[in-house]
């Protein structure tokens, strides 16, 4: 179990180490495998948003578990 995990993606959907188009941070106790799968799902949903303003405001997500 981990207490803080962060996943970042480029606009193309690749994992990012530096600047990222979208990030998901998990706070609390969650397994890395579950967090990775959830972060990928969140990125897929985020990337299909048509409104650029909504995409901008939802580019940084924090999940508390």
PDB file of N, CA and C in Angstrom:
ATOM      1  N   UNK A   1       0.836  -1.184   0.000  1.00  0.00           N
ATOM      2  CA  UNK A   1       0.000   0.000   0.000  1.00  0.00           C
ATOM      3  C   UNK A   1       0.880   1.245   0.000  1.00  0.00           C
ATOM      4  N   UNK A   2       0.385   2.267  -0.643  1.00  0.00           N
ATOM      5  CA  UNK A   2       1.136   3.519  -0.716  1.00  0.00           C
ATOM      6  C   UNK A   2       0.292   4.647  -0.128  1.00  0.00           C
ATOM      7  N   UNK A   3       0.940   5.735   0.262  1.00  0.00           N
ATOM      8  CA  UNK A   3       0.193   6.840   0.849  1.00  0.00           C
ATOM      9  C   UNK A   3       0.128   8.048  -0.064  1.00  0.00           C
ATOM     10  N   UNK A   4       0.846   8.074  -1.145  1.00  0.00           N
ATOM     11  CA  UNK A   4       0.788   9.189  -2.080  1.00  0.00           C
ATOM     12  C   UNK A   4       1.350   8.782  -3.427  1.00  0.00           C
ATOM     13  N   UNK A   5       0.507   8.718  -4.418  1.00  0.00           N
ATOM     14  CA  UNK A   5       0.933   8.334  -5.763  1.00  0.00           C
ATOM     15  C   UNK A   5       0.535   9.425  -6.740  1.00  0.00           C
ATOM     16  N   UNK A   6       1.396   9.685  -7.720  1.00  0.00           N
ATOM     17  CA  UNK A   6       1.091  10.698  -8.733  1.00  0.00           C
ATOM     18  C   UNK A   6       1.357  10.107 -10.105  1.00  0.00           C
ATOM     19  N   UNK A   7       0.401  10.277 -10.992  1.00  0.00           N
ATOM     20  CA  UNK A   7       0.527   9.831 -12.376  1.00  0.00           C
ATOM     21  C   UNK A   7       0.323  11.034 -13.275  1.00  0.00           C
ATOM     22  N   UNK A   8       1.194  11.190 -14.256  1.00  0.00           N
ATOM     23  CA  UNK A   8       1.123  12.323 -15.175  1.00  0.00           C
ATOM     24  C   UNK A   8       1.141  11.802 -16.605  1.00  0.00           C
ATOM     25  N   UNK A   9       0.393  12.473 -17.475  1.00  0.00           N
ATOM     26  CA  UNK A   9       0.282  12.054 -18.868  1.00  0.00           C
ATOM     27  C   UNK A   9       0.506  13.237 -19.799  1.00  0.00           C
ATOM     28  N   UNK A  10       1.143  12.964 -20.938  1.00  0.00           N
ATOM     29  CA  UNK A  10       1.237  13.970 -21.988  1.00  0.00           C
ATOM     30  C   UNK A  10      -0.101  14.018 -22.709  1.00  0.00           C
ATOM     31  N   UNK A  11      -0.272  14.975 -23.587  1.00  0.00           N
ATOM     32  CA  UNK A  11      -1.521  15.088 -24.344  1.00  0.00           C
ATOM     33  C   UNK A  11      -1.765  13.862 -25.217  1.00  0.00           C
ATOM     34  N   UNK A  12      -0.691  13.164 -25.592  1.00  0.00           N
ATOM     35  CA  UNK A  12      -0.810  11.968 -26.426  1.00  0.00           C
ATOM     36  C   UNK A  12      -1.110  10.712 -25.618  1.00  0.00           C
ATOM     37  N   UNK A  13      -1.069  10.823 -24.281  1.00  0.00           N
ATOM     38  CA  UNK A  13      -1.386   9.688 -23.432  1.00  0.00           C
ATOM     39  C   UNK A  13      -0.188   8.931 -22.911  1.00  0.00           C
ATOM     40  N   UNK A  14       1.009   9.431 -23.152  1.00  0.00           N
ATOM     41  CA  UNK A  14       2.215   8.783 -22.658  1.00  0.00           C
ATOM     42  C   UNK A  14       2.503   9.248 -21.230  1.00  0.00           C
ATOM     43  N   UNK A  15       3.072   8.378 -20.413  1.00  0.00           N
ATOM     44  CA  UNK A  15       3.468   8.815 -19.064  1.00  0.00           C
ATOM     45  C   UNK A  15       4.482   9.959 -19.153  1.00  0.00           C
ATOM     46  N   UNK A  16       4.374  10.922 -18.266  1.00  0.00           N
ATOM     47  CA  UNK A  16       5.247  12.092 -18.292  1.00  0.00           C
ATOM     48  C   UNK A  16       6.027  12.191 -16.993  1.00  0.00           C
ATOM     49  N   UNK A  17       7.303  12.548 -17.110  1.00  0.00           N
ATOM     50  CA  UNK A  17       8.127  12.778 -15.925  1.00  0.00           C
ATOM     51  C   UNK A  17       8.163  14.253 -15.568  1.00  0.00           C
ATOM     52  N   UNK A  18       8.155  15.105 -16.575  1.00  0.00           N
ATOM     53  CA  UNK A  18       8.216  16.543 -16.342  1.00  0.00           C
ATOM     54  C   UNK A  18       6.862  17.187 -16.546  1.00  0.00           C
ATOM     55  N   UNK A  19       6.823  18.130 -17.485  1.00  0.00           N
ATOM     56  CA  UNK A  19       5.573  18.830 -17.787  1.00  0.00           C
ATOM     57  C   UNK A  19       4.538  17.845 -18.328  1.00  0.00           C
ATOM     58  N   UNK A  20       3.322  17.973 -17.831  1.00  0.00           N
ATOM     59  CA  UNK A  20       2.261  17.054 -18.224  1.00  0.00           C
ATOM     60  C   UNK A  20       0.996  17.823 -18.563  1.00  0.00           C
ATOM     61  N   UNK A  21       0.196  17.247 -19.443  1.00  0.00           N
ATOM     62  CA  UNK A  21      -1.079  17.850 -19.813  1.00  0.00           C
ATOM     63  C   UNK A  21      -2.141  17.536 -18.760  1.00  0.00           C
ATOM     64  N   UNK A  22      -1.996  16.385 -18.096  1.00  0.00           N
ATOM     65  CA  UNK A  22      -3.003  15.959 -17.124  1.00  0.00           C
ATOM     66  C   UNK A  22      -2.323  15.164 -16.023  1.00  0.00           C
ATOM     67  N   UNK A  23      -2.686  15.431 -14.763  1.00  0.00           N
ATOM     68  CA  UNK A  23      -2.116  14.686 -13.638  1.00  0.00           C
ATOM     69  C   UNK A  23      -3.223  14.184 -12.727  1.00  0.00           C
ATOM     70  N   UNK A  24      -2.962  13.039 -12.118  1.00  0.00           N
ATOM     71  CA  UNK A  24      -3.859  12.472 -11.122  1.00  0.00           C
ATOM     72  C   UNK A  24      -3.000  12.131  -9.910  1.00  0.00           C
ATOM     73  N   UNK A  25      -3.382  12.638  -8.753  1.00  0.00           N
ATOM     74  CA  UNK A  25      -2.667  12.376  -7.511  1.00  0.00           C
ATOM     75  C   UNK A  25      -3.592  11.642  -6.557  1.00  0.00           C
ATOM     76  N   UNK A  26      -3.090  10.564  -5.970  1.00  0.00           N
ATOM     77  CA  UNK A  26      -3.860   9.765  -5.025  1.00  0.00           C
ATOM     78  C   UNK A  26      -3.308  10.004  -3.628  1.00  0.00           C
ATOM     79  N   UNK A  27      -4.191  10.337  -2.699  1.00  0.00           N
ATOM     80  CA  UNK A  27      -3.826  10.571  -1.310  1.00  0.00           C
ATOM     81  C   UNK A  27      -4.583   9.554  -0.474  1.00  0.00           C
ATOM     82  N   UNK A  28      -3.877   8.807   0.314  1.00  0.00           N
ATOM     83  CA  UNK A  28      -4.502   7.781   1.131  1.00  0.00           C
ATOM     84  C   UNK A  28      -3.912   6.425   0.818  1.00  0.00           C
ATOM     85  N   UNK A  29      -4.569   5.407   1.270  1.00  0.00           N
ATOM     86  CA  UNK A  29      -4.056   4.051   1.081  1.00  0.00           C
ATOM     87  C   UNK A  29      -4.745   3.407  -0.117  1.00  0.00           C
ATOM     88  N   UNK A  30      -3.981   3.209  -1.168  1.00  0.00           N
ATOM     89  CA  UNK A  30      -4.475   2.577  -2.393  1.00  0.00           C
ATOM     90  C   UNK A  30      -3.310   1.831  -3.023  1.00  0.00           C
ATOM     91  N   UNK A  31      -3.580   0.697  -3.607  1.00  0.00           N
ATOM     92  CA  UNK A  31      -2.499  -0.064  -4.233  1.00  0.00           C
ATOM     93  C   UNK A  31      -2.078   0.617  -5.529  1.00  0.00           C
ATOM     94  N   UNK A  32      -0.815   0.486  -5.857  1.00  0.00           N
ATOM     95  CA  UNK A  32      -0.284   1.106  -7.071  1.00  0.00           C
ATOM     96  C   UNK A  32      -0.997   0.572  -8.319  1.00  0.00           C
ATOM     97  N   UNK A  33      -1.267  -0.716  -8.348  1.00  0.00           N
ATOM     98  CA  UNK A  33      -1.927  -1.316  -9.513  1.00  0.00           C
ATOM     99  C   UNK A  33      -3.320  -0.721  -9.726  1.00  0.00           C
ATOM    100  N   UNK A  34      -4.092  -0.582  -8.637  1.00  0.00           N
ATOM    101  CA  UNK A  34      -5.431   0.004  -8.736  1.00  0.00           C
ATOM    102  C   UNK A  34      -5.346   1.477  -9.140  1.00  0.00           C
ATOM    103  N   UNK A  35      -4.385   2.189  -8.574  1.00  0.00           N
ATOM    104  CA  UNK A  35      -4.230   3.603  -8.898  1.00  0.00           C
ATOM    105  C   UNK A  35      -3.842   3.796 -10.360  1.00  0.00           C
ATOM    106  N   UNK A  36      -2.942   2.957 -10.872  1.00  0.00           N
ATOM    107  CA  UNK A  36      -2.542   3.072 -12.278  1.00  0.00           C
ATOM    108  C   UNK A  36      -3.722   2.858 -13.217  1.00  0.00           C
ATOM    109  N   UNK A  37      -4.513   1.836 -12.946  1.00  0.00           N
ATOM    110  CA  UNK A  37      -5.680   1.542 -13.786  1.00  0.00           C
ATOM    111  C   UNK A  37      -6.693   2.688 -13.722  1.00  0.00           C
ATOM    112  N   UNK A  38      -6.918   3.213 -12.532  1.00  0.00           N
ATOM    113  CA  UNK A  38      -7.861   4.316 -12.377  1.00  0.00           C
ATOM    114  C   UNK A  38      -7.343   5.582 -13.055  1.00  0.00           C
ATOM    115  N   UNK A  39      -6.054   5.851 -12.926  1.00  0.00           N
ATOM    116  CA  UNK A  39      -5.470   7.041 -13.564  1.00  0.00           C
ATOM    117  C   UNK A  39      -5.592   6.947 -15.083  1.00  0.00           C
ATOM    118  N   UNK A  40      -5.350   5.773 -15.646  1.00  0.00           N
ATOM    119  CA  UNK A  40      -5.475   5.592 -17.105  1.00  0.00           C
ATOM    120  C   UNK A  40      -6.922   5.823 -17.531  1.00  0.00           C
ATOM    121  N   UNK A  41      -7.883   5.295 -16.757  1.00  0.00           N
ATOM    122  CA  UNK A  41      -9.307   5.491 -17.078  1.00  0.00           C
ATOM    123  C   UNK A  41      -9.664   6.972 -17.013  1.00  0.00           C
ATOM    124  N   UNK A  42      -9.189   7.658 -15.971  1.00  0.00           N
ATOM    125  CA  UNK A  42      -9.459   9.089 -15.839  1.00  0.00           C
ATOM    126  C   UNK A  42      -8.857   9.872 -17.001  1.00  0.00           C
ATOM    127  N   UNK A  43      -7.648   9.488 -17.437  1.00  0.00           N
ATOM    128  CA  UNK A  43      -7.044  10.169 -18.577  1.00  0.00           C
ATOM    129  C   UNK A  43      -7.882   9.957 -19.837  1.00  0.00           C
ATOM    130  N   UNK A  44      -8.338   8.736 -20.075  1.00  0.00           N
ATOM    131  CA  UNK A  44      -9.153   8.447 -21.262  1.00  0.00           C
ATOM    132  C   UNK A  44     -10.426   9.289 -21.254  1.00  0.00           C
ATOM    133  N   UNK A  45     -11.077   9.403 -20.113  1.00  0.00           N
ATOM    134  CA  UNK A  45     -12.278  10.239 -20.014  1.00  0.00           C
ATOM    135  C   UNK A  45     -11.935  11.704 -20.242  1.00  0.00           C
ATOM    136  N   UNK A  46     -10.847  12.161 -19.640  1.00  0.00           N
ATOM    137  CA  UNK A  46     -10.421  13.557 -19.768  1.00  0.00           C
ATOM    138  C   UNK A  46     -10.091  13.898 -21.220  1.00  0.00           C
ATOM    139  N   UNK A  47      -9.428  12.990 -21.914  1.00  0.00           N
ATOM    140  CA  UNK A  47      -8.993  13.268 -23.282  1.00  0.00           C
ATOM    141  C   UNK A  47     -10.160  13.354 -24.267  1.00  0.00           C
ATOM    142  N   UNK A  48     -11.332  12.832 -23.894  1.00  0.00           N
ATOM    143  CA  UNK A  48     -12.487  12.894 -24.799  1.00  0.00           C
ATOM    144  C   UNK A  48     -13.368  14.115 -24.557  1.00  0.00           C
ATOM    145  N   UNK A  49     -13.039  14.921 -23.548  1.00  0.00           N
ATOM    146  CA  UNK A  49     -13.825  16.129 -23.287  1.00  0.00           C
ATOM    147  C   UNK A  49     -13.665  17.102 -24.460  1.00  0.00           C
ATOM    148  N   UNK A  50     -14.764  17.590 -24.966  1.00  0.00           N
ATOM    149  CA  UNK A  50     -14.726  18.464 -26.139  1.00  0.00           C
ATOM    150  C   UNK A  50     -14.446  19.926 -25.783  1.00  0.00           C
ATOM    151  N   UNK A  51     -14.869  20.360 -24.634  1.00  0.00           N
ATOM    152  CA  UNK A  51     -14.725  21.753 -24.241  1.00  0.00           C
ATOM    153  C   UNK A  51     -13.324  22.002 -23.671  1.00  0.00           C
ATOM    154  N   UNK A  52     -12.521  22.858 -24.318  1.00  0.00           N
ATOM    155  CA  UNK A  52     -11.156  23.095 -23.836  1.00  0.00           C
ATOM    156  C   UNK A  52     -11.095  23.730 -22.447  1.00  0.00           C
ATOM    157  N   UNK A  53     -12.102  24.523 -22.081  1.00  0.00           N
ATOM    158  CA  UNK A  53     -12.119  25.123 -20.752  1.00  0.00           C
ATOM    159  C   UNK A  53     -12.325  24.052 -19.679  1.00  0.00           C
ATOM    160  N   UNK A  54     -13.212  23.122 -19.930  1.00  0.00           N
ATOM    161  CA  UNK A  54     -13.444  22.029 -18.989  1.00  0.00           C
ATOM    162  C   UNK A  54     -12.186  21.172 -18.874  1.00  0.00           C
ATOM    163  N   UNK A  55     -11.525  20.914 -19.994  1.00  0.00           N
ATOM    164  CA  UNK A  55     -10.282  20.136 -19.962  1.00  0.00           C
ATOM    165  C   UNK A  55      -9.223  20.849 -19.135  1.00  0.00           C
ATOM    166  N   UNK A  56      -9.136  22.161 -19.274  1.00  0.00           N
ATOM    167  CA  UNK A  56      -8.137  22.915 -18.526  1.00  0.00           C
ATOM    168  C   UNK A  56      -8.394  22.827 -17.027  1.00  0.00           C
ATOM    169  N   UNK A  57      -9.647  22.992 -16.614  1.00  0.00           N
ATOM    170  CA  UNK A  57      -9.980  22.992 -15.197  1.00  0.00           C
ATOM    171  C   UNK A  57      -9.934  21.594 -14.587  1.00  0.00           C
ATOM    172  N   UNK A  58     -10.022  20.563 -15.389  1.00  0.00           N
ATOM    173  CA  UNK A  58      -9.982  19.207 -14.842  1.00  0.00           C
ATOM    174  C   UNK A  58      -8.661  18.509 -15.138  1.00  0.00           C
ATOM    175  N   UNK A  59      -7.651  19.248 -15.555  1.00  0.00           N
ATOM    176  CA  UNK A  59      -6.358  18.644 -15.894  1.00  0.00           C
ATOM    177  C   UNK A  59      -5.587  18.175 -14.662  1.00  0.00           C
ATOM    178  N   UNK A  60      -5.885  18.724 -13.503  1.00  0.00           N
ATOM    179  CA  UNK A  60      -5.246  18.308 -12.263  1.00  0.00           C
ATOM    180  C   UNK A  60      -6.315  17.721 -11.355  1.00  0.00           C
ATOM    181  N   UNK A  61      -6.206  16.425 -11.112  1.00  0.00           N
ATOM    182  CA  UNK A  61      -7.195  15.746 -10.280  1.00  0.00           C
ATOM    183  C   UNK A  61      -6.524  15.163  -9.045  1.00  0.00           C
ATOM    184  N   UNK A  62      -7.220  15.257  -7.920  1.00  0.00           N
ATOM    185  CA  UNK A  62      -6.745  14.683  -6.660  1.00  0.00           C
ATOM    186  C   UNK A  62      -7.824  13.720  -6.168  1.00  0.00           C
ATOM    187  N   UNK A  63      -7.409  12.499  -5.880  1.00  0.00           N
ATOM    188  CA  UNK A  63      -8.325  11.472  -5.409  1.00  0.00           C
ATOM    189  C   UNK A  63      -7.941  11.136  -3.974  1.00  0.00           C
ATOM    190  N   UNK A  64      -8.882  11.304  -3.058  1.00  0.00           N
ATOM    191  CA  UNK A  64      -8.650  10.990  -1.655  1.00  0.00           C
ATOM    192  C   UNK A  64      -9.373   9.698  -1.329  1.00  0.00           C
ATOM    193  N   UNK A  65      -8.626   8.751  -0.816  1.00  0.00           N
ATOM    194  CA  UNK A  65      -9.259   7.470  -0.469  1.00  0.00           C
ATOM    195  C   UNK A  65      -9.059   7.129   0.988  1.00  0.00           C
TER     196      UNK A  65
END
